[in-house]
Amino acid sequence: MIGGSLFLALILIALFAPAIAPENPVEQNYGATLRPPSREHLMGTDNFGRDIFSRVVYGTQISLRVGLISVGIAAVIGIPIGLAAGYYGGWVDSVAMRLIDVMLAFPGILLAFVIVAVLGSSLTNLMIAIGIGSIPGFARLIRGSVLATRSLSYIESARVTGCRDPRIIRLHILPNIASPIIVYSTLKVATAILAGASLSFLGLGVQRPTPEWGVMLADGRNFLQQQWWISAFPGLAIMVTTLAINLLGDGIRDVRDPRAQRS
């Protein structure tokens, strides 16, 4: 409930950012640079006089967009691969899993790093790179779930009654493996947000002056000793967001896992 409440609050902040933020997040004010948190500027200002609170609020939009769209890309590609590999087996499984093994040879963040370096630094390319890097996890999870499901009696009954493979997959297998998909997708959103912030911090994701949390961390790293608030508040936003999503994912897993309910 705590994770769900925090995540709902983040969604509302992202939706109503223009009404919540007191100032333009990219407007520079050289008469108010490096001011500490105060009543006028709740989270202080950076070296360009930009209001940190406004930038953190608008950064919520970008971070949630990166997390949700990246996971959506990975799910749209990874789930069909896992379904085909697990259900048909044979050469389909061999080809699909060898492709996934090649992708798994690179850590997800490193694979995203390479893709962004090839495609160029932008928000769209960042989401594509993180999405592609997350495909192997979805494919392996779905394949394992299908392998455990396809030999059950209700699947055999559907085959006996004349159901074709696409119908069996769509109506009998996919609904019954929805729980691990939902839980994994939820937890993966937090990972995607962290990956997006990491790549932006390194200069390979969202570019300045866009108010993105990773960019804000990079902007404040040279001021940590005196003007700590420049990096502290976007870092806190990343921590709260990933914590909320992980708590939500754990809660969904507990609710949808019959074994957890019995215990």
Protein backbone atom coordinates (compact mmCIF):
# COMPACT_ATOMS: atom_id res chain seq x y z
CA MET A 1 0.00 0.00 0.00
CA ILE A 2 2.86 2.37 0.77
CA GLY A 3 4.52 1.65 -2.57
CA GLY A 4 1.25 1.98 -4.45
CA SER A 5 0.43 5.26 -2.73
CA LEU A 6 3.87 6.71 -3.49
CA PHE A 7 3.70 5.56 -7.10
CA LEU A 8 0.23 7.10 -7.50
CA ALA A 9 1.57 10.34 -6.04
CA LEU A 10 4.44 10.30 -8.55
CA ILE A 11 2.00 9.79 -11.42
CA LEU A 12 -0.10 12.73 -10.23
CA ILE A 13 3.02 14.89 -9.92
CA ALA A 14 4.00 13.98 -13.48
CA LEU A 15 0.52 14.71 -14.83
CA PHE A 16 0.12 18.04 -13.05
CA ALA A 17 3.74 19.19 -13.17
CA PRO A 18 2.91 22.56 -14.82
CA ALA A 19 0.51 23.36 -11.99
CA ILE A 20 2.84 22.16 -9.21
CA ALA A 21 6.15 23.65 -10.35
CA PRO A 22 6.41 27.32 -9.32
CA GLU A 23 8.89 28.26 -12.08
CA ASN A 24 9.97 27.33 -15.58
CA PRO A 25 12.45 24.43 -15.09
CA VAL A 26 14.85 25.63 -17.82
CA GLU A 27 14.64 29.37 -17.27
CA GLN A 28 17.95 30.78 -16.08
CA ASN A 29 18.19 33.52 -13.45
CA TYR A 30 21.76 34.64 -12.84
CA GLY A 31 20.59 36.89 -10.03
CA ALA A 32 19.59 33.85 -7.93
CA THR A 33 22.39 31.32 -8.47
CA LEU A 34 23.39 28.67 -5.93
CA ARG A 35 20.82 29.71 -3.34
CA PRO A 36 20.18 27.18 -0.53
CA PRO A 37 16.73 25.75 0.20
CA SER A 38 14.40 28.46 1.48
CA ARG A 39 10.77 29.49 1.48
CA GLU A 40 11.25 31.10 -1.92
CA HIS A 41 13.08 28.11 -3.41
CA LEU A 42 12.08 24.94 -1.56
CA MET A 43 15.05 22.94 -2.89
CA GLY A 44 17.37 25.82 -3.67
CA THR A 45 18.75 26.84 -7.05
CA ASP A 46 21.59 25.58 -9.23
CA ASN A 47 24.53 27.41 -10.76
CA PHE A 48 22.28 28.84 -13.47
CA GLY A 49 19.68 30.10 -11.02
CA ARG A 50 17.14 27.46 -12.02
CA ASP A 51 14.69 26.32 -9.37
CA ILE A 52 15.62 22.78 -8.26
CA PHE A 53 12.11 21.96 -7.05
CA SER A 54 10.61 22.81 -10.45
CA ARG A 55 13.24 20.73 -12.22
CA VAL A 56 12.68 17.74 -9.93
CA VAL A 57 8.91 17.96 -10.52
CA TYR A 58 9.30 18.07 -14.30
CA GLY A 59 11.94 15.34 -14.09
CA THR A 60 9.24 13.02 -12.77
CA GLN A 61 7.57 13.13 -16.19
CA ILE A 62 10.74 12.12 -17.99
CA SER A 63 11.79 9.37 -15.58
CA LEU A 64 8.36 7.70 -15.54
CA ARG A 65 8.18 7.95 -19.31
CA VAL A 66 11.58 6.29 -19.64
CA GLY A 67 10.63 3.50 -17.22
CA LEU A 68 7.19 2.72 -18.64
CA ILE A 69 7.99 3.01 -22.35
CA SER A 70 11.25 1.08 -22.06
CA VAL A 71 9.50 -1.78 -20.28
CA GLY A 72 6.70 -1.62 -22.86
CA ILE A 73 9.22 -2.04 -25.69
CA ALA A 74 10.88 -4.97 -23.92
CA ALA A 75 7.53 -6.65 -23.21
CA VAL A 76 6.20 -6.25 -26.76
CA ILE A 77 9.29 -7.95 -28.19
CA GLY A 78 10.31 -10.30 -25.37
CA ILE A 79 6.92 -11.85 -24.58
CA PRO A 80 6.25 -13.17 -28.13
CA ILE A 81 9.79 -14.58 -28.30
CA GLY A 82 9.32 -16.36 -24.98
CA LEU A 83 5.87 -17.66 -25.95
CA ALA A 84 7.10 -19.08 -29.25
CA ALA A 85 10.24 -20.62 -27.74
CA GLY A 86 8.42 -22.22 -24.82
CA TYR A 87 5.37 -23.48 -26.69
CA TYR A 88 6.86 -24.80 -29.94
CA GLY A 89 10.27 -25.91 -28.64
CA GLY A 90 12.60 -27.58 -31.12
CA TRP A 91 14.47 -25.38 -33.55
CA VAL A 92 12.31 -22.36 -32.67
CA ASP A 93 13.43 -22.63 -29.05
CA SER A 94 17.06 -23.20 -30.05
CA VAL A 95 17.23 -20.18 -32.37
CA ALA A 96 15.41 -17.87 -29.95
CA MET A 97 17.47 -18.88 -26.92
CA ARG A 98 20.78 -18.61 -28.77
CA LEU A 99 19.82 -15.06 -29.74
CA ILE A 100 18.92 -14.31 -26.13
CA ASP A 101 22.21 -15.86 -24.96
CA VAL A 102 24.12 -13.51 -27.24
CA MET A 103 22.28 -10.53 -25.74
CA LEU A 104 22.87 -11.85 -22.21
CA ALA A 105 26.61 -11.96 -22.91
CA PHE A 106 26.51 -8.20 -22.36
CA PRO A 107 25.20 -6.68 -19.11
CA GLY A 108 21.95 -4.83 -19.71
CA ILE A 109 23.36 -1.39 -18.92
CA LEU A 110 26.41 -2.03 -21.13
CA LEU A 111 24.20 -3.16 -24.02
CA ALA A 112 22.09 -0.01 -23.61
CA PHE A 113 25.31 2.04 -23.47
CA VAL A 114 26.46 0.62 -26.81
CA ILE A 115 23.06 1.12 -28.47
CA VAL A 116 22.85 4.76 -27.35
CA ALA A 117 26.42 5.34 -28.54
CA VAL A 118 25.45 4.00 -31.98
CA LEU A 119 22.03 5.68 -32.30
CA GLY A 120 22.96 8.98 -30.67
CA SER A 121 22.00 10.69 -27.43
CA SER A 122 18.32 11.55 -27.15
CA LEU A 123 15.32 10.64 -25.02
CA THR A 124 13.84 8.40 -27.73
CA ASN A 125 17.09 6.52 -28.32
CA LEU A 126 17.53 6.17 -24.55
CA MET A 127 14.15 4.44 -24.21
CA ILE A 128 14.85 2.20 -27.21
CA ALA A 129 18.26 1.20 -25.83
CA ILE A 130 16.96 0.35 -22.36
CA GLY A 131 14.02 -1.52 -23.89
CA ILE A 132 16.28 -3.65 -26.09
CA GLY A 133 18.55 -4.36 -23.14
CA SER A 134 15.56 -5.63 -21.14
CA ILE A 135 14.27 -8.07 -23.78
CA PRO A 136 16.27 -11.13 -22.59
CA GLY A 137 14.76 -11.02 -19.10
CA PHE A 138 11.22 -11.04 -20.46
CA ALA A 139 11.94 -13.78 -23.01
CA ARG A 140 13.53 -16.14 -20.47
CA LEU A 141 10.81 -15.55 -17.88
CA ILE A 142 7.99 -16.22 -20.36
CA ARG A 143 9.71 -19.26 -21.83
CA GLY A 144 10.09 -20.84 -18.41
CA SER A 145 6.47 -20.12 -17.49
CA VAL A 146 5.20 -21.58 -20.79
CA LEU A 147 7.31 -24.72 -20.38
CA ALA A 148 5.70 -25.28 -16.98
CA THR A 149 2.21 -24.66 -18.38
CA ARG A 150 2.02 -26.23 -21.83
CA SER A 151 1.88 -29.84 -20.54
CA LEU A 152 -0.95 -29.27 -18.06
CA SER A 153 -4.25 -31.05 -18.52
CA TYR A 154 -6.33 -28.06 -19.59
CA ILE A 155 -3.89 -27.36 -22.43
CA GLU A 156 -4.16 -30.97 -23.59
CA SER A 157 -7.95 -30.71 -23.39
CA ALA A 158 -7.90 -27.61 -25.56
CA ARG A 159 -5.81 -29.42 -28.17
CA VAL A 160 -8.18 -32.42 -28.16
CA THR A 161 -11.18 -30.16 -28.77
CA GLY A 162 -9.50 -28.77 -31.89
CA CYS A 163 -8.13 -25.46 -30.66
CA ARG A 164 -5.34 -24.16 -32.84
CA ASP A 165 -2.02 -23.09 -31.39
CA PRO A 166 -2.59 -19.31 -31.62
CA ARG A 167 -5.91 -19.66 -29.81
CA ILE A 168 -4.40 -21.87 -27.11
CA ILE A 169 -1.58 -19.39 -26.55
CA ARG A 170 -3.92 -16.39 -26.49
CA LEU A 171 -6.79 -17.78 -24.41
CA HIS A 172 -5.27 -20.52 -22.26
CA ILE A 173 -1.54 -19.95 -21.74
CA LEU A 174 -1.10 -16.18 -21.72
CA PRO A 175 -3.84 -15.45 -19.11
CA ASN A 176 -2.42 -18.12 -16.81
CA ILE A 177 1.11 -16.73 -16.87
CA ALA A 178 -0.02 -13.13 -16.43
CA SER A 179 1.05 -12.95 -12.77
CA PRO A 180 4.82 -13.27 -13.32
CA ILE A 181 4.56 -10.88 -16.29
CA ILE A 182 2.85 -8.21 -14.19
CA VAL A 183 5.26 -8.57 -11.26
CA TYR A 184 8.39 -8.62 -13.43
CA SER A 185 7.20 -5.66 -15.48
CA THR A 186 6.55 -3.62 -12.35
CA LEU A 187 9.98 -4.34 -10.89
CA LYS A 188 11.64 -3.72 -14.25
CA VAL A 189 10.27 -0.18 -14.39
CA ALA A 190 12.46 0.74 -11.42
CA THR A 191 15.51 -0.81 -13.10
CA ALA A 192 14.77 1.11 -16.31
CA ILE A 193 14.51 4.41 -14.42
CA LEU A 194 17.89 3.77 -12.77
CA ALA A 195 19.44 2.82 -16.11
CA GLY A 196 18.03 5.94 -17.74
CA ALA A 197 19.38 8.18 -14.99
CA SER A 198 22.78 6.44 -15.20
CA LEU A 199 23.10 6.94 -18.95
CA SER A 200 21.94 10.56 -18.69
CA PHE A 201 24.49 11.12 -15.92
CA LEU A 202 27.19 9.90 -18.31
CA GLY A 203 25.93 12.20 -21.06
CA LEU A 204 24.47 9.43 -23.24
CA GLY A 205 20.80 9.95 -22.54
CA VAL A 206 18.70 13.06 -22.07
CA GLN A 207 20.66 16.19 -22.90
CA ARG A 208 20.89 19.52 -21.10
CA PRO A 209 19.01 21.70 -20.27
CA THR A 210 16.19 19.12 -20.02
CA PRO A 211 15.25 18.63 -16.34
CA GLU A 212 16.13 14.96 -15.96
CA TRP A 213 17.29 13.53 -12.64
CA GLY A 214 20.48 11.93 -13.99
CA VAL A 215 21.45 15.17 -15.75
CA MET A 216 20.79 17.10 -12.53
CA LEU A 217 23.06 14.74 -10.60
CA ALA A 218 25.81 15.31 -13.14
CA ASP A 219 25.34 19.08 -12.98
CA GLY A 220 25.71 19.09 -9.19
CA ARG A 221 28.69 16.79 -8.77
CA ASN A 222 31.14 19.70 -8.86
CA PHE A 223 29.28 21.50 -6.07
CA LEU A 224 28.81 18.67 -3.56
CA GLN A 225 30.92 20.15 -0.78
CA GLN A 226 29.14 23.50 -0.55
CA GLN A 227 25.94 23.40 -2.66
CA TRP A 228 24.87 19.85 -1.77
CA TRP A 229 21.21 20.43 -2.65
CA ILE A 230 21.85 20.48 -6.40
CA SER A 231 22.50 16.72 -6.43
CA ALA A 232 20.84 15.67 -3.18
CA PHE A 233 17.23 16.33 -4.18
CA PRO A 234 17.27 14.63 -7.60
CA GLY A 235 19.13 11.72 -5.97
CA LEU A 236 16.43 11.54 -3.32
CA ALA A 237 13.78 11.57 -6.05
CA ILE A 238 15.43 8.60 -7.77
CA MET A 239 15.63 6.71 -4.47
CA VAL A 240 11.98 7.36 -3.53
CA THR A 241 10.74 6.42 -7.01
CA THR A 242 12.65 3.14 -7.24
CA LEU A 243 11.73 2.25 -3.66
CA ALA A 244 8.04 2.90 -4.33
CA ILE A 245 8.03 0.78 -7.49
CA ASN A 246 9.90 -2.09 -5.80
CA LEU A 247 7.50 -2.05 -2.84
CA LEU A 248 4.58 -2.06 -5.27
CA GLY A 249 6.06 -4.97 -7.22
CA ASP A 250 6.67 -6.99 -4.05
CA GLY A 251 3.09 -6.31 -2.94
CA ILE A 252 1.64 -7.43 -6.28
CA ARG A 253 3.75 -10.59 -6.15
CA ASP A 254 2.45 -11.41 -2.66
CA VAL A 255 -1.16 -10.80 -3.68
CA ARG A 256 -0.99 -12.87 -6.87
CA ASP A 257 1.13 -15.73 -5.49
CA PRO A 258 -1.13 -18.48 -4.07
CA ARG A 259 1.78 -20.03 -2.16
CA ALA A 260 2.41 -16.75 -0.34
CA GLN A 261 -1.26 -16.50 0.55
CA ARG A 262 -1.31 -20.05 1.97
CA SER A 263 1.74 -19.36 4.14
